Amino acid sequence: MSRKPIVAVVGRPNVGKSTFFNRIAGKRISIVEDTPGVTRDRIYADCEWLTHQFTLIDTGGIEPSSSDVILSQMRDQAQIAIDTADVIVFLCDGKNSYTTADEEIAQMLRVSKKPVVLVLNKIDQYKKPDHFYDYYSLGLGEPVMISSVNAMGLGDLLDDIVKLFPNEDDMTEAEESIKICLIGKPNVGKSSLVNKIIGENRVIVSEIAGTTRDAIDTPFEYDGQPFVLIDTAGLRRKSRVNENIEKYSIIRTLTAIERSDVCFILIDAEEGITDQDKKVAGYAHDAGKASIFVVNKWDLLQKDNTTFNEFKRTIREQFAYMPYAPVMFVSALTGQRVMQLLEQAIYVSNNHALRISTGVLNDVLNEAMALNQPPSDKGKRLKIYYATQASVKPPTFVLFVNDKELAHFSYIRYLENQIRKNFNYEGTPILFSVKERG
């Protein structure tokens, strides 16, 4: 399993980070459109440049204090972004020479020993400004001149970025272990659940620092199956935390999700479903990961004979875009149904990697099309010539058709339901790619 490199954009406020991010996102990236019901900030994007895939993170401005010393709290949060990234883009305002705040940030980057590309933004012509050579004093090599607004120099910059990516071997992780990422808002019981699982299974290999440097990977075995638990920092509510800090917290979670096979989406039974829960679940769904809703603190809830079904119905309504994800009700405190979670993780992980032969797949689709004819528009009807499964984790199917415009979302959803009806894809999203033949 190979994870995508992380590219973090850092710099002072008002140097053009968001414009740069949006320009790259708009021109180089295929962002899946937002699914209704998924509420979240779009501060990251999956990108591709010259066959290199990576995740771009917009980290927000690093705020200096009135005395030009970076606030200690913001320094800590910026450090998370720096430690997490494989390559750092340090964006400066190229219209002027560097500032004291730029020097502070440059010092943080030099200490990190991470590959850094120093970028001077807002330069609208190829002529180097008089203060260009001042930036050599930051000790980060030769600056790259760009204009995010005019898209000048972006191709050369992306070339420089991908050259700094780690080798493929360094990005590949062992396949035999099922990597489980626990995600959710703070105080939902992620660490308690990890401790309960490890307490019940004492065949612990070791406790090592994760690739993200801010999460702890805990390998262990259960019933002969190796696992790795990845505990993440909780995503805080906006009302309780500065918006920039919130963005850095998201980086931790995104990186952990990227490395995982299965996501446990934890929900507090007492508090119920919040917008923050929808945001967290949206990250796992967008990443195409196998997922399980884990309702924790079930023992603390006052229950009657309708509570279980009502809570489950509410989850299905609030997370309508994830009907495939099983729901488990557990207690990390008492251990209720905790070990069943691992059995469920094995189950959905196998479904996540399920492959269907082309012949059997086309038999199912032909039967589905006979029961419900493809849509037509202005006398022209959609024809699906054949389909094939392109990949697993998540299962991805390619449909070869006569006209992509006729492949309406609702009919693709119908075909997905027919595939799910015939094959066991519980716990995993299914992706479709529609291509015109020839």
Protein backbone atom coordinates (compact mmCIF):
# COMPACT_ATOMS: atom_id res chain seq x y z
CA MET A 1 0.00 0.00 0.00
CA SER A 2 1.48 3.31 -1.09
CA ARG A 3 0.45 6.61 0.44
CA LYS A 4 0.45 9.90 -1.45
CA PRO A 5 3.07 12.55 -0.61
CA ILE A 6 1.85 15.54 1.40
CA VAL A 7 2.69 19.05 0.17
CA ALA A 8 2.02 21.82 2.72
CA VAL A 9 1.76 25.49 1.77
CA VAL A 10 3.03 27.73 4.59
CA GLY A 11 3.67 31.44 4.94
CA ARG A 12 2.50 34.70 6.47
CA PRO A 13 -1.08 35.90 5.99
CA ASN A 14 -1.87 37.80 2.79
CA VAL A 15 0.97 36.39 0.70
CA GLY A 16 -1.50 34.63 -1.62
CA LYS A 17 -1.63 31.10 -0.20
CA SER A 18 -5.34 30.61 -0.83
CA THR A 19 -5.09 32.04 -4.36
CA PHE A 20 -2.16 29.71 -5.05
CA PHE A 21 -4.07 26.73 -3.62
CA ASN A 22 -7.21 27.48 -5.63
CA ARG A 23 -5.24 28.02 -8.82
CA ILE A 24 -3.50 24.65 -8.50
CA ALA A 25 -6.76 22.97 -7.47
CA GLY A 26 -8.65 24.45 -10.40
CA LYS A 27 -6.10 23.63 -13.07
CA ARG A 28 -4.31 20.46 -12.02
CA ILE A 29 -6.69 18.50 -9.85
CA SER A 30 -9.74 16.31 -10.20
CA ILE A 31 -11.67 17.08 -7.02
CA VAL A 32 -14.73 14.88 -6.61
CA GLU A 33 -17.76 17.15 -6.36
CA ASP A 34 -19.17 17.62 -2.87
CA THR A 35 -21.80 15.06 -2.00
CA PRO A 36 -24.98 16.55 -0.48
CA GLY A 37 -24.91 16.22 3.29
CA VAL A 38 -21.14 16.40 3.65
CA THR A 39 -20.29 19.64 5.45
CA ARG A 40 -16.60 20.42 5.64
CA ASP A 41 -13.96 22.94 4.69
CA ARG A 42 -12.09 22.32 1.46
CA ILE A 43 -8.56 23.06 2.66
CA TYR A 44 -6.97 20.04 0.99
CA ALA A 45 -7.06 18.63 -2.53
CA ASP A 46 -5.83 15.49 -4.25
CA CYS A 47 -3.56 16.55 -7.11
CA GLU A 48 -1.78 15.01 -10.06
CA TRP A 49 1.17 16.44 -11.99
CA LEU A 50 3.10 14.45 -14.61
CA THR A 51 1.75 11.11 -13.27
CA HIS A 52 2.72 12.10 -9.69
CA GLN A 53 -0.21 12.08 -7.28
CA PHE A 54 -0.03 14.08 -4.06
CA THR A 55 -2.18 15.84 -1.46
CA LEU A 56 -1.96 19.63 -1.29
CA ILE A 57 -2.69 21.25 2.09
CA ASP A 58 -3.56 24.93 2.56
CA THR A 59 -2.41 25.61 6.10
CA GLY A 60 -3.55 29.20 6.63
CA GLY A 61 -1.37 32.11 7.70
CA ILE A 62 1.24 31.81 10.44
CA GLU A 63 0.43 34.81 12.63
CA PRO A 64 3.28 36.89 14.07
CA SER A 65 2.67 38.94 17.19
CA SER A 66 2.89 42.72 17.29
CA SER A 67 6.58 42.36 18.15
CA ASP A 68 7.14 40.16 15.08
CA VAL A 69 7.65 37.00 17.16
CA ILE A 70 5.44 34.12 16.11
CA LEU A 71 2.87 33.33 18.76
CA SER A 72 3.90 30.19 20.61
CA GLN A 73 0.55 28.53 20.06
CA MET A 74 0.62 29.16 16.32
CA ARG A 75 4.24 28.02 16.19
CA ASP A 76 3.19 24.68 17.69
CA GLN A 77 0.39 24.25 15.18
CA ALA A 78 2.60 25.24 12.24
CA GLN A 79 5.14 22.69 13.42
CA ILE A 80 2.51 19.96 12.98
CA ALA A 81 2.13 20.92 9.33
CA ILE A 82 5.89 21.01 8.82
CA ASP A 83 6.44 17.62 10.49
CA THR A 84 3.60 16.02 8.53
CA ALA A 85 4.58 17.24 5.06
CA ASP A 86 6.95 15.50 2.67
CA VAL A 87 7.59 18.77 0.80
CA ILE A 88 6.96 22.32 2.02
CA VAL A 89 6.11 25.27 -0.22
CA PHE A 90 7.15 28.46 1.61
CA LEU A 91 5.18 31.28 -0.02
CA CYS A 92 6.38 34.88 0.33
CA ASP A 93 5.14 38.21 -1.00
CA GLY A 94 7.47 38.75 -3.96
CA LYS A 95 6.52 42.43 -4.29
CA ASN A 96 8.66 43.22 -1.27
CA SER A 97 11.76 41.99 0.51
CA TYR A 98 11.36 39.42 3.28
CA THR A 99 10.14 40.42 6.73
CA THR A 100 11.10 39.43 10.26
CA ALA A 101 8.16 37.03 10.28
CA ASP A 102 9.51 35.39 7.10
CA GLU A 103 12.84 34.93 8.88
CA GLU A 104 11.08 33.25 11.82
CA ILE A 105 9.29 30.84 9.50
CA ALA A 106 12.47 30.13 7.52
CA GLN A 107 14.23 29.20 10.76
CA MET A 108 11.48 26.68 11.57
CA LEU A 109 11.81 25.19 8.09
CA ARG A 110 15.61 24.89 8.25
CA VAL A 111 15.42 23.06 11.58
CA SER A 112 12.85 20.62 10.18
CA LYS A 113 15.35 19.27 7.60
CA LYS A 114 12.38 18.84 5.21
CA PRO A 115 12.65 19.68 1.49
CA VAL A 116 11.52 23.29 1.04
CA VAL A 117 10.69 25.22 -2.13
CA LEU A 118 10.97 28.98 -1.54
CA VAL A 119 8.38 30.75 -3.69
CA LEU A 120 8.01 34.47 -4.42
CA ASN A 121 4.37 35.11 -5.33
CA LYS A 122 2.76 38.18 -6.93
CA ILE A 123 5.53 38.65 -9.52
CA ASP A 124 3.72 39.39 -12.77
CA GLN A 125 6.72 39.61 -15.10
CA TYR A 126 9.80 37.48 -15.69
CA LYS A 127 12.19 40.25 -14.71
CA LYS A 128 13.72 39.68 -11.27
CA PRO A 129 12.90 42.48 -8.83
CA ASP A 130 15.75 44.35 -7.13
CA HIS A 131 15.05 42.62 -3.79
CA PHE A 132 15.09 39.11 -5.36
CA TYR A 133 18.59 38.34 -4.09
CA ASP A 134 17.65 39.39 -0.54
CA TYR A 135 15.79 36.09 -0.20
CA TYR A 136 19.02 34.10 -0.45
CA SER A 137 19.65 35.29 3.12
CA LEU A 138 16.86 32.98 4.33
CA GLY A 139 19.12 30.00 3.61
CA LEU A 140 16.51 28.04 1.62
CA GLY A 141 18.10 28.11 -1.81
CA GLU A 142 17.11 29.98 -4.96
CA PRO A 143 13.59 31.43 -4.92
CA VAL A 144 11.06 30.44 -7.59
CA MET A 145 9.06 33.35 -9.05
CA ILE A 146 5.34 32.85 -9.74
CA SER A 147 2.09 34.74 -10.10
CA SER A 148 -0.86 32.76 -8.74
CA VAL A 149 -3.31 35.24 -10.23
CA ASN A 150 -1.88 34.98 -13.76
CA ALA A 151 -0.75 31.31 -13.45
CA MET A 152 2.79 32.37 -14.38
CA GLY A 153 5.53 29.90 -13.45
CA LEU A 154 3.22 27.28 -11.90
CA GLY A 155 4.33 24.47 -14.22
CA ASP A 156 8.01 24.98 -13.41
CA LEU A 157 7.15 25.15 -9.70
CA LEU A 158 5.24 21.86 -9.82
CA ASP A 159 8.21 20.28 -11.62
CA ASP A 160 10.45 21.38 -8.74
CA ILE A 161 8.00 20.04 -6.15
CA VAL A 162 7.60 16.52 -7.58
CA LYS A 163 11.39 16.15 -7.90
CA LEU A 164 11.56 16.34 -4.09
CA PHE A 165 9.04 13.54 -3.43
CA PRO A 166 10.33 10.50 -1.48
CA ASN A 167 11.16 7.32 -3.38
CA GLU A 168 8.30 4.90 -4.04
CA ASP A 169 9.91 2.34 -1.71
CA ASP A 170 9.86 4.85 1.14
CA MET A 171 6.15 5.54 0.56
CA THR A 172 5.11 1.88 0.54
CA GLU A 173 3.85 0.21 3.69
CA ALA A 174 3.42 -3.48 4.51
CA GLU A 175 0.22 -5.08 3.19
CA GLU A 176 -0.31 -7.88 5.69
CA SER A 177 -1.49 -5.70 8.58
CA ILE A 178 -4.97 -4.14 8.59
CA LYS A 179 -4.44 -0.48 9.49
CA ILE A 180 -7.31 0.96 11.50
CA CYS A 181 -7.61 4.72 11.92
CA LEU A 182 -9.74 6.05 14.79
CA ILE A 183 -11.22 9.43 13.89
CA GLY A 184 -13.68 11.73 15.61
CA LYS A 185 -14.00 14.85 17.69
CA PRO A 186 -12.15 15.14 21.04
CA ASN A 187 -13.41 13.30 24.12
CA VAL A 188 -15.37 10.81 22.07
CA GLY A 189 -13.24 8.00 23.52
CA LYS A 190 -10.67 7.22 20.81
CA SER A 191 -7.75 6.69 23.19
CA SER A 192 -9.94 4.76 25.64
CA LEU A 193 -10.99 2.44 22.84
CA VAL A 194 -7.37 1.89 21.81
CA ASN A 195 -6.44 1.09 25.41
CA LYS A 196 -9.36 -1.34 25.78
CA ILE A 197 -8.45 -3.17 22.56
CA ILE A 198 -4.78 -3.41 23.52
CA GLY A 199 -5.71 -4.43 27.07
CA GLU A 200 -7.69 -7.36 25.74
CA ASN A 201 -4.95 -8.38 23.28
CA ARG A 202 -1.54 -8.40 24.83
CA VAL A 203 0.32 -9.71 21.78
CA ILE A 204 1.80 -6.27 21.14
CA VAL A 205 4.72 -6.16 18.74
CA SER A 206 5.94 -2.68 19.64
CA GLU A 207 4.85 0.92 19.91
CA ILE A 208 6.47 3.06 17.24
CA ALA A 209 6.07 6.62 16.08
CA GLY A 210 3.88 6.80 12.99
CA THR A 211 4.83 8.27 9.67
CA THR A 212 2.93 11.40 10.62
CA ARG A 213 5.16 11.96 13.69
CA ASP A 214 2.12 13.14 15.65
CA ALA A 215 0.19 9.86 15.79
CA ILE A 216 1.26 6.69 17.52
CA ASP A 217 1.01 3.42 15.58
CA THR A 218 0.29 0.46 17.83
CA PRO A 219 0.78 -2.94 16.14
CA PHE A 220 -0.85 -6.03 17.71
CA GLU A 221 -2.40 -9.35 16.73
CA TYR A 222 -5.92 -10.67 17.16
CA ASP A 223 -6.85 -14.24 16.24
CA GLY A 224 -3.72 -14.52 14.08
CA GLN A 225 -4.46 -11.34 12.12
CA PRO A 226 -1.94 -8.48 12.49
CA PHE A 227 -3.42 -5.00 13.00
CA VAL A 228 -2.07 -1.49 13.39
CA LEU A 229 -4.13 1.02 15.39
CA ILE A 230 -3.60 4.66 14.41
CA ASP A 231 -4.91 7.06 17.06
CA THR A 232 -5.45 10.64 15.88
CA ALA A 233 -5.95 13.97 17.56
CA GLY A 234 -9.60 14.96 17.71
CA LEU A 235 -10.97 17.63 15.40
CA ARG A 236 -12.21 20.48 17.54
CA ARG A 237 -15.32 22.54 17.11
CA LYS A 238 -14.84 25.90 15.38
CA SER A 239 -16.40 27.71 18.34
CA ARG A 240 -13.67 26.40 20.60
CA VAL A 241 -10.59 26.95 18.50
CA ASN A 242 -8.97 29.43 16.16
CA GLU A 243 -9.77 28.63 12.52
CA ASN A 244 -6.10 28.25 11.59
CA ILE A 245 -5.49 25.79 14.42
CA GLU A 246 -8.48 23.80 13.19
CA LYS A 247 -6.80 23.48 9.79
CA TYR A 248 -3.63 22.05 11.31
CA SER A 249 -5.65 19.50 13.29
CA ILE A 250 -7.25 18.38 10.03
CA ILE A 251 -3.80 17.65 8.57
CA ARG A 252 -3.18 15.02 11.25
CA THR A 253 -6.46 13.30 10.55
CA LEU A 254 -6.12 13.44 6.76
CA THR A 255 -2.66 11.90 6.87
CA ALA A 256 -3.79 9.12 9.19
CA ILE A 257 -6.83 8.38 7.00
CA GLU A 258 -4.60 8.26 3.91
CA ARG A 259 -2.46 5.54 5.52
CA SER A 260 -5.36 3.43 6.80
CA ASP A 261 -7.39 0.53 5.42
CA VAL A 262 -10.38 0.91 7.72
CA CYS A 263 -11.73 4.00 9.51
CA PHE A 264 -13.56 3.77 12.83
CA ILE A 265 -15.76 6.90 12.85
CA LEU A 266 -16.47 7.45 16.53
CA ILE A 267 -19.70 9.13 17.68
CA ASP A 268 -20.55 10.09 21.27
CA ALA A 269 -23.82 8.31 22.19
CA GLU A 270 -24.64 10.87 24.89
CA GLU A 271 -23.99 13.93 22.73
CA GLY A 272 -25.56 12.54 19.58
CA ILE A 273 -24.58 13.38 15.98
CA THR A 274 -22.98 16.79 15.41
CA ASP A 275 -21.83 18.72 12.34
CA GLN A 276 -18.29 17.86 13.36
CA ASP A 277 -19.12 14.15 13.07
CA LYS A 278 -20.39 14.73 9.52
CA LYS A 279 -17.18 16.54 8.65
CA VAL A 280 -14.99 13.72 10.00
CA ALA A 281 -17.03 11.06 8.18
CA GLY A 282 -16.78 13.11 4.99
CA TYR A 283 -12.98 12.86 5.05
CA ALA A 284 -13.10 9.05 5.23
CA HIS A 285 -15.75 8.88 2.50
CA ASP A 286 -13.80 11.19 0.17
CA ALA A 287 -10.67 9.10 0.68
CA GLY A 288 -12.54 5.96 -0.41
CA LYS A 289 -11.77 4.07 2.80
CA ALA A 290 -13.69 1.17 4.32
CA SER A 291 -15.58 2.65 7.27
CA ILE A 292 -17.54 1.63 10.37
CA PHE A 293 -19.65 3.97 12.51
CA VAL A 294 -18.72 3.30 16.14
CA VAL A 295 -21.20 4.72 18.64
CA ASN A 296 -19.21 4.87 21.88
CA LYS A 297 -20.39 5.40 25.50
CA TRP A 298 -23.48 3.31 24.75
CA ASP A 299 -23.53 2.16 28.38
CA LEU A 300 -24.08 5.75 29.61
CA LEU A 301 -27.21 6.35 27.53
CA GLN A 302 -30.67 6.01 29.08
CA LYS A 303 -32.35 3.46 26.83
CA ASP A 304 -35.73 1.90 26.11
CA ASN A 305 -36.79 -0.67 23.53
CA THR A 306 -36.75 1.93 20.70
CA THR A 307 -33.41 3.65 21.43
CA PHE A 308 -31.25 1.30 19.35
CA ASN A 309 -33.39 1.50 16.19
CA GLU A 310 -33.95 5.24 16.55
CA PHE A 311 -30.23 6.00 16.87
CA LYS A 312 -29.43 3.79 13.89
CA ARG A 313 -32.18 5.45 11.80
CA THR A 314 -30.77 8.88 12.69
CA ILE A 315 -27.28 7.83 11.55
CA ARG A 316 -28.70 6.65 8.22
CA GLU A 317 -30.51 9.96 7.76
CA GLN A 318 -27.59 12.20 8.78
CA PHE A 319 -25.00 10.18 6.82
CA ALA A 320 -27.15 9.40 3.78
CA TYR A 321 -24.04 9.47 1.56
CA MET A 322 -22.57 6.47 3.47
CA PRO A 323 -25.32 3.83 3.49
CA TYR A 324 -22.66 1.14 3.05
CA ALA A 325 -21.01 1.68 6.47
CA PRO A 326 -22.03 -0.72 9.29
CA VAL A 327 -23.04 0.73 12.66
CA MET A 328 -21.65 -0.69 15.92
CA PHE A 329 -22.72 0.30 19.46
CA VAL A 330 -19.88 -0.13 21.96
CA SER A 331 -18.51 0.98 25.31
CA ALA A 332 -14.77 1.53 25.62
CA LEU A 333 -15.28 1.74 29.38
CA THR A 334 -16.95 -1.65 29.92
CA GLY A 335 -15.61 -3.39 26.80
CA GLN A 336 -19.12 -4.04 25.46
CA ARG A 337 -18.85 -5.32 21.86
CA VAL A 338 -15.31 -3.90 21.54
CA MET A 339 -13.79 -7.13 20.28
CA GLN A 340 -16.58 -7.52 17.72
CA LEU A 341 -15.18 -4.33 16.18
CA LEU A 342 -12.02 -6.16 15.12
CA GLU A 343 -14.03 -8.96 13.50
CA GLN A 344 -16.05 -6.29 11.66
CA ALA A 345 -12.80 -4.56 10.59
CA ILE A 346 -11.55 -7.80 9.01
CA TYR A 347 -14.92 -8.21 7.28
CA VAL A 348 -15.07 -4.72 5.71
CA SER A 349 -11.35 -4.80 4.86
CA ASN A 350 -11.90 -7.98 2.82
CA ASN A 351 -14.88 -6.36 1.08
CA HIS A 352 -12.74 -3.29 0.36
CA ALA A 353 -10.32 -5.54 -1.56
CA LEU A 354 -12.96 -7.67 -3.32
CA ARG A 355 -12.42 -8.09 -7.06
CA ILE A 356 -15.08 -9.25 -9.56
CA SER A 357 -14.23 -10.93 -12.86
CA THR A 358 -15.18 -8.98 -15.97
CA GLY A 359 -17.51 -11.70 -17.26
CA VAL A 360 -19.52 -11.98 -14.04
CA LEU A 361 -19.69 -8.18 -13.69
CA ASN A 362 -21.11 -7.74 -17.19
CA ASP A 363 -23.69 -10.49 -16.61
CA VAL A 364 -24.95 -8.57 -13.56
CA LEU A 365 -25.03 -5.24 -15.43
CA ASN A 366 -26.81 -6.73 -18.46
CA GLU A 367 -29.49 -8.13 -16.17
CA ALA A 368 -29.77 -4.75 -14.43
CA MET A 369 -30.17 -2.94 -17.78
CA ALA A 370 -32.85 -5.43 -18.85
CA LEU A 371 -34.83 -4.70 -15.68
CA ASN A 372 -34.38 -0.92 -15.95
CA GLN A 373 -33.45 0.51 -19.36
CA PRO A 374 -30.67 3.14 -19.50
CA PRO A 375 -31.90 6.75 -19.81
CA SER A 376 -32.32 8.59 -23.12
CA ASP A 377 -32.22 12.24 -24.11
CA LYS A 378 -33.57 13.78 -27.33
CA GLY A 379 -34.02 10.35 -28.87
CA LYS A 380 -30.52 9.14 -28.02
CA ARG A 381 -30.27 6.32 -25.45
CA LEU A 382 -27.31 5.52 -23.24
CA LYS A 383 -25.53 2.33 -24.28
CA ILE A 384 -23.15 0.58 -21.89
CA TYR A 385 -20.95 -1.62 -24.07
CA TYR A 386 -19.14 -3.33 -21.21
CA ALA A 387 -17.63 -2.76 -17.79
CA THR A 388 -14.51 -3.85 -15.97
CA GLN A 389 -13.10 -3.47 -12.47
CA ALA A 390 -10.04 -1.25 -12.63
CA SER A 391 -8.85 -1.46 -9.03
CA VAL A 392 -9.65 -2.29 -5.42
CA LYS A 393 -9.38 -0.32 -2.15
CA PRO A 394 -11.86 1.12 -3.00
CA PRO A 395 -13.51 -1.06 -5.69
CA THR A 396 -13.46 1.05 -8.85
CA PHE A 397 -15.39 0.17 -12.00
CA VAL A 398 -14.97 1.57 -15.52
CA LEU A 399 -18.05 1.78 -17.75
CA PHE A 400 -17.49 2.12 -21.51
CA VAL A 401 -20.45 3.94 -23.06
CA ASN A 402 -21.57 5.66 -26.26
CA ASP A 403 -22.08 9.11 -24.66
CA LYS A 404 -20.87 10.22 -21.21
CA GLU A 405 -23.49 12.99 -21.04
CA LEU A 406 -26.26 10.39 -20.97
CA ALA A 407 -24.77 8.58 -17.94
CA HIS A 408 -26.94 10.32 -15.35
CA PHE A 409 -25.96 10.16 -11.69
CA SER A 410 -29.23 8.45 -10.73
CA TYR A 411 -28.68 5.58 -13.19
CA ILE A 412 -25.09 5.07 -12.02
CA ARG A 413 -26.47 4.89 -8.47
CA TYR A 414 -28.97 2.25 -9.66
CA LEU A 415 -26.13 0.19 -11.14
CA GLU A 416 -24.18 0.54 -7.89
CA ASN A 417 -27.16 -0.79 -5.95
CA GLN A 418 -27.42 -3.76 -8.30
CA ILE A 419 -23.72 -4.54 -7.82
CA ARG A 420 -24.11 -4.30 -4.04
CA LYS A 421 -27.17 -6.58 -4.25
CA ASN A 422 -25.14 -9.28 -6.01
CA PHE A 423 -21.75 -8.88 -4.30
CA ASN A 424 -20.71 -8.27 -0.72
CA TYR A 425 -19.44 -4.70 -0.65
CA GLU A 426 -20.71 -3.79 2.83
CA GLY A 427 -18.43 -1.29 4.53
CA THR A 428 -16.75 0.10 1.40
CA PRO A 429 -17.59 2.87 -1.06
CA ILE A 430 -17.75 1.99 -4.76
CA LEU A 431 -16.38 4.34 -7.42
CA PHE A 432 -17.33 4.56 -11.10
CA SER A 433 -15.44 6.00 -14.06
CA VAL A 434 -17.45 6.55 -17.24
CA LYS A 435 -15.55 6.58 -20.53
CA GLU A 436 -16.62 6.85 -24.14
CA ARG A 437 -15.44 3.90 -26.21
CA GLY A 438 -12.63 4.86 -28.56
